[in-house]
Amino acid sequence: MLTRRITYRLYPSTSQLNKLFYWRRMHAYVYNGAVSNRITQYRKFGHSVDYFEQQASLPGFKKTWTEYLELNAGSLQATLKRVDFAFVRFFQGLAKHPKFRPIKQYSGWTYPDARQGFKVHSDGKNGYLELTDLGCKIQMRGEARTWGKSTTCTIVYRNGKWFASITVKCIPVRETGNGAIGLDFGCKTAIADSNGNKIEPPKFLKEAQSQINKISKQLRRKRNPEKRKVKGSRRWKKTQARLAKLKRKVANKRQNWIHHQAVDIVSCNSLIATEKLQIKNMTRKAKKGSKRKRQKAGLNRSMLDVGIGMLKSAIAYKALEANAIYLEAPTRSLKPTQRCNLCWKLTKKTLNDRLHVCSNHQCNHQEDRDVNSAQVCLTWARGLERASLDGDESSSTESPKVRYCGGFQQLAQTKRYLTHGSTK
């Protein structure tokens, strides 16, 4: 059983809409109050507040603030888990210190238990969502590729629309072929495979950049509520909505293109090999004092426009559903960009060298730089697979590292395991 997340668009009535906005504000107050409690307790008393202490104070909190009695207890606990997860990431050095969330920017809340918080009246296509604390059904539209048993539900408000992000436990089935392919990703050529095929980058952001700059210029001329500490004008709100809609279209186009490419790759190949890339490090800002800040910003924009990280993740989890093998070659030790696929000799290149010419005079292999890199990854994967079939314990076909979209209940179990050494 795997966990998959399906997002549905909600269509609440006027009374339901007012209730959802009211609950979003209440959960934002709980989040900010929990953050403030942790900061105050540590600074004044040297006491580190954990999730279990804040969870135990919920009954007394609801007696004092009676308006929270109508909210689901599990959803309030999930909000506290969200705070705990933010502080855990901060202590691990993975994120900055948690800050207070403005109500207008607070995304939503989570129901961690389907037995108490919500019910889904659907077979995967459209249907209704019933929230126990709301007492009525909300119409939703969407379609799941594979439906199963619903486990958690997150209510999200984004770009003026309400969504329900539901996680289900299911057994997804996906077909695959018998082929083997190596892939190389980049911003000049989005995907280059070992067969010599190339897919050009879609450049969705670049096509819409002129229109984005035009609307952004109009937005800067309106009264901004953040800088001037006043209410934003109606024209500022309308212009901001237009800008958000345009960026949302760009993101939707990119996501649609990514899934189409991932499906085409997985449906034809049972062995997929590529190199391991640190996208976060590759798209960092230029160092302080650098004279090429604009060039680095343009390169980062081009890489993020392709969505290499999202594309690799999509291929990885689709390959897992199809029982295909997905492998990532160690880039630093293998150096697929500089290595020859035939003689395995390294030939140093710069970013301007787009053609691989082997430095070994006995080989003289010439191939496109990206295609050769994809072929090197495939050769490496085939050698690893052959060693695994021969019984070499030092080599193994590791399963792809896919970050599943689990709910806050899994986060709490992880914290209990780290704290007490047990998930019980």
Protein backbone atom coordinates (compact mmCIF):
# COMPACT_ATOMS: atom_id res chain seq x y z
CA MET A 1 0.00 0.00 0.00
CA LEU A 2 1.33 3.40 -1.00
CA THR A 3 0.19 6.85 0.07
CA ARG A 4 -0.93 9.21 -2.64
CA ARG A 5 -2.31 12.74 -2.44
CA ILE A 6 -5.23 13.97 -4.55
CA THR A 7 -6.29 17.62 -4.67
CA TYR A 8 -9.92 18.55 -5.29
CA ARG A 9 -11.41 21.98 -5.93
CA LEU A 10 -14.11 22.89 -3.40
CA TYR A 11 -17.28 24.83 -4.21
CA PRO A 12 -18.72 25.94 -0.85
CA SER A 13 -21.94 27.89 -0.47
CA THR A 14 -22.00 31.42 0.97
CA SER A 15 -22.59 30.26 4.55
CA GLN A 16 -19.94 27.54 4.20
CA LEU A 17 -17.52 30.06 2.73
CA ASN A 18 -17.89 32.38 5.72
CA LYS A 19 -17.35 29.45 8.06
CA LEU A 20 -14.17 28.36 6.27
CA PHE A 21 -12.70 31.86 6.43
CA TYR A 22 -13.58 32.05 10.13
CA TRP A 23 -11.89 28.73 10.87
CA ARG A 24 -8.80 29.70 8.92
CA ARG A 25 -8.44 32.78 11.11
CA MET A 26 -8.90 30.69 14.27
CA HIS A 27 -6.22 28.21 13.24
CA ALA A 28 -3.86 31.06 12.41
CA TYR A 29 -4.37 32.38 15.97
CA VAL A 30 -3.54 28.93 17.37
CA TYR A 31 -0.41 28.68 15.25
CA ASN A 32 0.88 32.11 16.24
CA GLY A 33 -0.04 31.48 19.89
CA ALA A 34 1.89 28.21 19.93
CA VAL A 35 4.95 29.87 18.38
CA SER A 36 4.75 32.72 20.89
CA ASN A 37 4.41 30.26 23.78
CA ARG A 38 7.57 28.41 22.80
CA ILE A 39 9.59 31.59 22.36
CA THR A 40 8.39 33.15 25.63
CA GLN A 41 8.90 30.03 27.73
CA TYR A 42 12.46 29.59 26.49
CA ARG A 43 13.55 33.22 26.72
CA LYS A 44 12.08 34.00 30.14
CA PHE A 45 12.21 30.65 31.94
CA GLY A 46 14.69 28.57 29.91
CA HIS A 47 12.02 25.93 29.38
CA SER A 48 11.77 24.13 26.02
CA VAL A 49 8.13 23.45 25.19
CA ASP A 50 7.43 20.37 23.10
CA TYR A 51 4.38 19.22 21.18
CA PHE A 52 3.01 16.97 23.92
CA GLU A 53 2.97 19.80 26.45
CA GLN A 54 1.05 22.07 24.10
CA GLN A 55 -1.33 19.27 23.18
CA ALA A 56 -2.09 18.62 26.85
CA SER A 57 -3.02 22.28 27.33
CA LEU A 58 -5.67 22.22 24.59
CA PRO A 59 -8.62 21.23 26.87
CA GLY A 60 -7.93 24.11 29.26
CA PHE A 61 -7.39 26.46 26.35
CA LYS A 62 -10.79 25.56 24.87
CA LYS A 63 -12.49 26.14 28.22
CA THR A 64 -11.09 29.66 28.33
CA TRP A 65 -11.66 30.43 24.66
CA THR A 66 -15.06 28.84 24.11
CA GLU A 67 -15.21 29.77 20.42
CA TYR A 68 -12.74 26.95 19.76
CA LEU A 69 -15.17 24.32 21.05
CA GLU A 70 -16.80 24.01 17.62
CA LEU A 71 -13.47 23.23 15.93
CA ASN A 72 -12.39 19.63 15.52
CA ALA A 73 -9.90 18.55 18.21
CA GLY A 74 -7.77 16.64 15.71
CA SER A 75 -7.43 19.68 13.46
CA LEU A 76 -6.18 21.79 16.40
CA GLN A 77 -3.66 19.08 17.26
CA ALA A 78 -2.52 19.04 13.63
CA THR A 79 -1.91 22.80 13.79
CA LEU A 80 0.29 22.25 16.87
CA LYS A 81 2.11 19.48 15.00
CA ARG A 82 2.76 21.94 12.22
CA VAL A 83 4.42 24.26 14.73
CA ASP A 84 6.44 21.38 16.17
CA PHE A 85 7.58 20.34 12.71
CA ALA A 86 8.72 23.91 11.96
CA PHE A 87 10.84 24.00 15.13
CA VAL A 88 12.27 20.53 14.45
CA ARG A 89 13.41 21.65 11.02
CA PHE A 90 14.93 24.77 12.57
CA PHE A 91 16.90 22.75 15.15
CA GLN A 92 18.12 20.42 12.40
CA GLY A 93 19.40 23.37 10.39
CA LEU A 94 17.00 22.77 7.52
CA ALA A 95 14.98 25.99 7.83
CA LYS A 96 14.97 29.41 9.44
CA HIS A 97 13.43 30.19 12.81
CA PRO A 98 9.60 29.89 12.71
CA LYS A 99 7.84 33.22 12.37
CA PHE A 100 4.34 34.44 13.03
CA ARG A 101 1.98 33.86 10.13
CA PRO A 102 -0.26 36.67 8.86
CA ILE A 103 -3.88 35.59 8.66
CA LYS A 104 -4.10 36.49 4.98
CA GLN A 105 -1.11 34.26 4.20
CA TYR A 106 -2.13 31.30 6.38
CA SER A 107 -2.82 28.40 4.01
CA GLY A 108 -5.27 26.22 5.96
CA TRP A 109 -5.61 23.36 8.40
CA THR A 110 -5.54 19.56 8.49
CA TYR A 111 -7.86 16.77 9.65
CA PRO A 112 -5.46 13.94 10.57
CA ASP A 113 -8.09 11.25 11.17
CA ALA A 114 -10.76 10.26 8.65
CA ARG A 115 -12.77 8.48 11.35
CA GLN A 116 -13.53 11.69 13.24
CA GLY A 117 -12.71 14.78 11.21
CA PHE A 118 -14.13 14.23 7.74
CA LYS A 119 -15.81 11.86 5.31
CA VAL A 120 -15.30 11.66 1.56
CA HIS A 121 -18.39 10.75 -0.47
CA SER A 122 -16.71 9.87 -3.73
CA ASP A 123 -15.26 7.02 -5.76
CA GLY A 124 -12.35 9.16 -6.89
CA LYS A 125 -14.12 11.37 -9.42
CA ASN A 126 -15.88 14.49 -8.09
CA GLY A 127 -18.22 13.95 -5.12
CA TYR A 128 -18.75 15.65 -1.77
CA LEU A 129 -16.61 16.34 1.28
CA GLU A 130 -18.30 16.19 4.68
CA LEU A 131 -16.60 17.99 7.57
CA THR A 132 -17.86 16.86 10.96
CA ASP A 133 -17.51 20.27 12.61
CA LEU A 134 -19.27 21.90 9.66
CA GLY A 135 -22.20 19.49 9.72
CA CYS A 136 -22.89 19.54 5.97
CA LYS A 137 -21.38 18.49 2.65
CA ILE A 138 -19.26 20.60 0.31
CA GLN A 139 -19.24 19.89 -3.38
CA MET A 140 -15.82 19.07 -4.83
CA ARG A 141 -14.51 18.47 -8.34
CA GLY A 142 -11.48 16.47 -9.37
CA GLU A 143 -10.41 12.99 -10.40
CA ALA A 144 -7.99 10.54 -8.83
CA ARG A 145 -5.99 8.17 -10.97
CA THR A 146 -6.11 5.51 -8.23
CA TRP A 147 -8.58 5.66 -5.37
CA GLY A 148 -8.29 3.99 -1.99
CA LYS A 149 -8.91 4.52 1.70
CA SER A 150 -8.74 8.19 2.71
CA THR A 151 -6.50 8.93 5.69
CA THR A 152 -6.00 12.71 6.04
CA CYS A 153 -7.53 15.85 4.59
CA THR A 154 -6.00 19.32 4.36
CA ILE A 155 -8.17 22.33 3.61
CA VAL A 156 -6.18 24.88 1.62
CA TYR A 157 -7.02 28.42 0.52
CA ARG A 158 -4.89 29.56 -2.38
CA ASN A 159 -5.35 32.29 -4.98
CA GLY A 160 -8.92 33.00 -3.97
CA LYS A 161 -10.01 29.35 -4.23
CA TRP A 162 -10.58 26.55 -1.73
CA PHE A 163 -9.06 23.10 -2.19
CA ALA A 164 -9.17 19.79 -0.34
CA SER A 165 -5.90 17.84 -0.42
CA ILE A 166 -6.76 14.25 0.53
CA THR A 167 -4.23 11.47 1.13
CA VAL A 168 -5.33 7.92 0.35
CA LYS A 169 -3.76 4.51 0.86
CA CYS A 170 -3.96 2.65 -2.43
CA ILE A 171 -2.21 0.20 -4.73
CA PRO A 172 -1.43 2.18 -7.90
CA VAL A 173 -0.94 0.22 -11.12
CA ARG A 174 1.06 1.59 -14.03
CA GLU A 175 2.28 -0.11 -17.20
CA THR A 176 5.88 0.02 -18.39
CA GLY A 177 7.93 -1.29 -21.30
CA ASN A 178 11.06 -3.41 -21.56
CA GLY A 179 13.42 -0.65 -22.64
CA ALA A 180 16.32 0.95 -20.82
CA ILE A 181 17.19 4.61 -21.02
CA GLY A 182 19.63 7.11 -19.59
CA LEU A 183 18.60 10.71 -19.01
CA ASP A 184 20.46 13.99 -18.73
CA PHE A 185 18.67 17.16 -17.60
CA GLY A 186 19.64 20.75 -18.26
CA CYS A 187 18.33 24.22 -19.03
CA LYS A 188 19.55 24.43 -22.64
CA THR A 189 18.25 20.95 -23.46
CA ALA A 190 15.55 19.95 -21.01
CA ILE A 191 15.92 16.17 -21.49
CA ALA A 192 18.56 14.34 -23.51
CA ASP A 193 18.30 10.55 -23.52
CA SER A 194 20.79 7.81 -24.38
CA ASN A 195 19.05 7.14 -27.71
CA GLY A 196 20.04 10.57 -29.03
CA ASN A 197 16.64 12.20 -28.61
CA LYS A 198 16.41 15.73 -27.25
CA ILE A 199 13.49 17.62 -25.74
CA GLU A 200 13.75 21.38 -25.77
CA PRO A 201 12.77 23.31 -22.62
CA PRO A 202 9.19 24.66 -22.72
CA LYS A 203 10.15 28.13 -21.38
CA PHE A 204 6.73 28.90 -19.91
CA LEU A 205 8.10 31.58 -17.60
CA LYS A 206 10.15 33.24 -20.34
CA GLU A 207 7.12 33.49 -22.61
CA ALA A 208 5.06 35.15 -19.89
CA GLN A 209 7.88 37.27 -18.43
CA SER A 210 7.05 40.42 -20.42
CA GLN A 211 3.44 40.31 -19.28
CA ILE A 212 4.53 39.61 -15.69
CA ASN A 213 6.88 42.62 -15.76
CA LYS A 214 4.10 44.82 -17.14
CA ILE A 215 1.62 43.86 -14.41
CA SER A 216 4.33 44.08 -11.73
CA LYS A 217 5.10 47.62 -12.83
CA GLN A 218 1.41 48.50 -12.52
CA LEU A 219 1.34 46.89 -9.07
CA ARG A 220 4.26 48.98 -7.82
CA ARG A 221 2.37 52.15 -8.70
CA LYS A 222 -0.58 51.21 -6.49
CA ARG A 223 -0.84 51.73 -2.75
CA ASN A 224 0.91 48.78 -1.09
CA PRO A 225 -0.53 47.80 2.33
CA GLU A 226 2.69 46.21 3.58
CA LYS A 227 5.21 49.03 3.15
CA ARG A 228 3.01 52.00 3.99
CA LYS A 229 1.21 50.31 6.91
CA VAL A 230 -2.19 51.20 5.43
CA LYS A 231 -4.93 49.31 3.70
CA GLY A 232 -4.22 48.37 0.14
CA SER A 233 -6.29 50.10 -2.50
CA ARG A 234 -8.87 48.22 -4.51
CA ARG A 235 -6.81 48.69 -7.65
CA TRP A 236 -3.80 47.19 -5.89
CA LYS A 237 -5.85 44.12 -4.93
CA LYS A 238 -7.18 43.69 -8.46
CA THR A 239 -3.72 44.02 -9.98
CA GLN A 240 -2.28 41.59 -7.45
CA ALA A 241 -5.01 39.08 -8.32
CA ARG A 242 -4.16 39.40 -12.02
CA LEU A 243 -0.47 38.80 -11.31
CA ALA A 244 -1.21 35.77 -9.13
CA LYS A 245 -3.49 34.31 -11.81
CA LEU A 246 -0.82 34.70 -14.47
CA LYS A 247 1.86 33.03 -12.33
CA ARG A 248 -0.56 30.24 -11.45
CA LYS A 249 -1.13 29.54 -15.16
CA VAL A 250 2.62 29.31 -15.70
CA ALA A 251 2.97 26.85 -12.82
CA ASN A 252 0.05 24.74 -14.07
CA LYS A 253 1.52 24.57 -17.59
CA ARG A 254 4.89 23.48 -16.19
CA GLN A 255 3.32 20.82 -13.97
CA ASN A 256 1.24 19.46 -16.86
CA TRP A 257 4.33 19.27 -19.10
CA ILE A 258 6.33 17.51 -16.39
CA HIS A 259 3.74 14.78 -15.86
CA HIS A 260 3.37 14.19 -19.60
CA GLN A 261 7.13 13.75 -20.03
CA ALA A 262 7.37 11.47 -16.98
CA VAL A 263 4.55 9.26 -18.26
CA ASP A 264 6.15 8.95 -21.71
CA ILE A 265 9.49 7.93 -20.18
CA VAL A 266 8.15 5.40 -17.66
CA SER A 267 5.64 3.80 -20.05
CA CYS A 268 8.42 2.66 -22.41
CA ASN A 269 11.33 1.83 -20.09
CA SER A 270 11.75 -0.50 -17.13
CA LEU A 271 15.29 0.75 -16.38
CA ILE A 272 15.80 4.49 -16.00
CA ALA A 273 19.15 5.99 -15.06
CA THR A 274 20.19 9.58 -14.49
CA GLU A 275 22.70 11.53 -12.42
CA LYS A 276 22.18 12.79 -8.90
CA LEU A 277 21.75 16.56 -8.84
CA GLN A 278 21.66 18.97 -5.92
CA ILE A 279 19.10 21.40 -7.34
CA LYS A 280 19.05 23.51 -4.19
CA ASN A 281 22.80 24.08 -4.34
CA MET A 282 22.80 24.62 -8.09
CA THR A 283 20.17 27.38 -7.90
CA ARG A 284 21.68 29.36 -5.02
CA LYS A 285 22.25 33.07 -5.32
CA ALA A 286 25.59 34.39 -6.47
CA LYS A 287 28.16 34.95 -3.76
CA LYS A 288 28.43 38.34 -2.14
CA GLY A 289 30.64 40.62 -4.16
CA SER A 290 30.30 38.61 -7.35
CA LYS A 291 30.30 40.53 -10.63
CA ARG A 292 28.03 38.03 -12.37
CA LYS A 293 24.92 38.25 -10.23
CA ARG A 294 22.60 38.93 -13.14
CA GLN A 295 24.01 36.01 -15.14
CA LYS A 296 23.61 33.67 -12.16
CA ALA A 297 20.06 34.89 -11.57
CA GLY A 298 19.21 34.22 -15.23
CA LEU A 299 20.72 30.73 -15.05
CA ASN A 300 18.76 29.95 -11.88
CA ARG A 301 15.57 31.21 -13.51
CA SER A 302 16.14 28.98 -16.54
CA MET A 303 16.76 25.88 -14.42
CA LEU A 304 13.72 26.48 -12.25
CA ASP A 305 11.58 27.13 -15.32
CA VAL A 306 12.34 23.62 -16.57
CA GLY A 307 11.49 22.14 -13.16
CA ILE A 308 14.29 19.55 -13.08
CA GLY A 309 13.68 18.58 -9.45
CA MET A 310 9.94 18.13 -9.98
CA LEU A 311 10.60 16.15 -13.17
CA LYS A 312 12.98 13.75 -11.45
CA SER A 313 10.56 13.25 -8.56
CA ALA A 314 7.69 12.55 -10.97
CA ILE A 315 9.74 9.98 -12.88
CA ALA A 316 10.88 8.35 -9.61
CA TYR A 317 7.45 7.79 -8.10
CA LYS A 318 5.88 6.75 -11.42
CA ALA A 319 8.68 4.22 -11.88
CA LEU A 320 7.96 2.90 -8.40
CA GLU A 321 4.29 2.45 -9.28
CA ALA A 322 5.25 0.54 -12.45
CA ASN A 323 7.80 -1.67 -10.61
CA ALA A 324 10.52 -0.20 -12.81
CA ILE A 325 14.10 0.44 -11.70
CA TYR A 326 15.09 4.07 -11.20
CA LEU A 327 18.75 4.78 -10.38
CA GLU A 328 20.71 7.97 -9.80
CA ALA A 329 24.42 7.85 -10.56
CA PRO A 330 26.83 9.55 -8.12
CA THR A 331 27.78 12.68 -10.04
CA ARG A 332 30.98 13.56 -8.16
CA SER A 333 32.61 10.15 -8.50
CA LEU A 334 31.25 9.13 -11.91
CA LYS A 335 31.46 12.57 -13.63
CA PRO A 336 29.18 11.60 -16.53
CA THR A 337 29.59 14.95 -18.30
CA GLN A 338 33.35 14.48 -18.65
CA ARG A 339 33.53 10.69 -19.03
CA CYS A 340 33.55 8.89 -22.38
CA ASN A 341 30.89 6.26 -22.77
CA LEU A 342 33.09 3.93 -24.85
CA CYS A 343 36.55 3.97 -23.23
CA TRP A 344 35.48 5.45 -19.87
CA LYS A 345 38.26 8.06 -19.94
CA LEU A 346 37.76 11.54 -18.50
CA THR A 347 37.96 14.55 -20.81
CA LYS A 348 37.70 17.95 -19.19
CA LYS A 349 35.16 20.35 -20.69
CA THR A 350 33.84 23.80 -20.06
CA LEU A 351 30.21 24.83 -20.22
CA ASN A 352 30.79 26.16 -23.73
CA ASP A 353 31.91 22.73 -25.01
CA ARG A 354 28.67 21.16 -26.27
CA LEU A 355 30.37 18.33 -28.17
CA HIS A 356 32.17 15.45 -26.48
CA VAL A 357 35.44 14.58 -28.21
CA CYS A 358 37.31 11.83 -26.40
CA SER A 359 40.93 12.69 -25.57
CA ASN A 360 41.94 9.05 -26.04
CA HIS A 361 43.46 8.85 -29.55
CA GLN A 362 42.56 5.17 -29.83
CA CYS A 363 38.90 5.96 -29.16
CA ASN A 364 38.18 9.37 -30.79
CA HIS A 365 34.54 9.02 -29.81
CA GLN A 366 32.43 12.06 -30.73
CA GLU A 367 28.94 12.61 -29.42
CA ASP A 368 26.73 15.38 -28.17
CA ARG A 369 27.71 16.36 -24.64
CA ASP A 370 24.28 15.74 -23.08
CA VAL A 371 23.63 12.51 -25.01
CA ASN A 372 27.02 11.12 -23.97
CA SER A 373 26.26 11.97 -20.34
CA ALA A 374 22.96 10.08 -20.57
CA GLN A 375 24.74 7.09 -22.13
CA VAL A 376 27.31 7.07 -19.33
CA CYS A 377 24.52 6.97 -16.72
CA LEU A 378 22.86 4.06 -18.54
CA THR A 379 26.14 2.12 -18.82
CA TRP A 380 26.75 2.64 -15.11
CA ALA A 381 23.21 1.46 -14.26
CA ARG A 382 23.52 -1.64 -16.40
CA GLY A 383 26.78 -2.54 -14.69
CA LEU A 384 25.16 -2.05 -11.30
CA GLU A 385 22.20 -4.19 -12.28
CA ARG A 386 24.47 -6.91 -13.68
CA ALA A 387 26.49 -6.95 -10.45
CA SER A 388 23.30 -7.27 -8.43
CA LEU A 389 22.08 -10.19 -10.53
CA ASP A 390 25.47 -11.90 -10.09
CA GLY A 391 25.04 -11.74 -6.30
CA ASP A 392 27.47 -8.95 -5.50
CA GLU A 393 26.38 -7.71 -2.09
CA SER A 394 28.42 -4.53 -2.37
CA SER A 395 26.21 -3.28 -5.21
CA SER A 396 22.45 -3.05 -5.02
CA THR A 397 19.67 -1.43 -6.97
CA GLU A 398 18.40 0.95 -4.36
CA SER A 399 14.79 1.96 -4.51
CA PRO A 400 14.19 5.58 -5.52
CA LYS A 401 14.17 8.08 -2.71
CA VAL A 402 10.68 9.48 -3.06
CA ARG A 403 9.28 11.92 -0.53
CA TYR A 404 5.70 10.78 -0.03
CA CYS A 405 3.15 13.38 0.95
CA GLY A 406 2.23 12.00 4.37
CA GLY A 407 0.05 13.87 6.83
CA PHE A 408 0.92 15.38 10.19
CA GLN A 409 0.13 12.09 11.93
CA GLN A 410 3.26 10.57 10.33
CA LEU A 411 5.29 13.58 11.47
CA ALA A 412 4.22 13.05 15.07
CA GLN A 413 5.10 9.36 14.86
CA THR A 414 8.55 10.27 13.57
CA LYS A 415 9.09 12.71 16.45
CA ARG A 416 8.00 10.12 19.01
CA TYR A 417 10.44 7.66 17.49
CA LEU A 418 13.30 10.17 17.70
CA THR A 419 12.38 11.11 21.27
CA HIS A 420 11.46 7.79 22.86
CA GLY A 421 12.83 5.23 20.40
CA SER A 422 9.42 3.78 19.66
CA THR A 423 6.47 4.56 17.38
CA LYS A 424 3.91 3.28 19.86
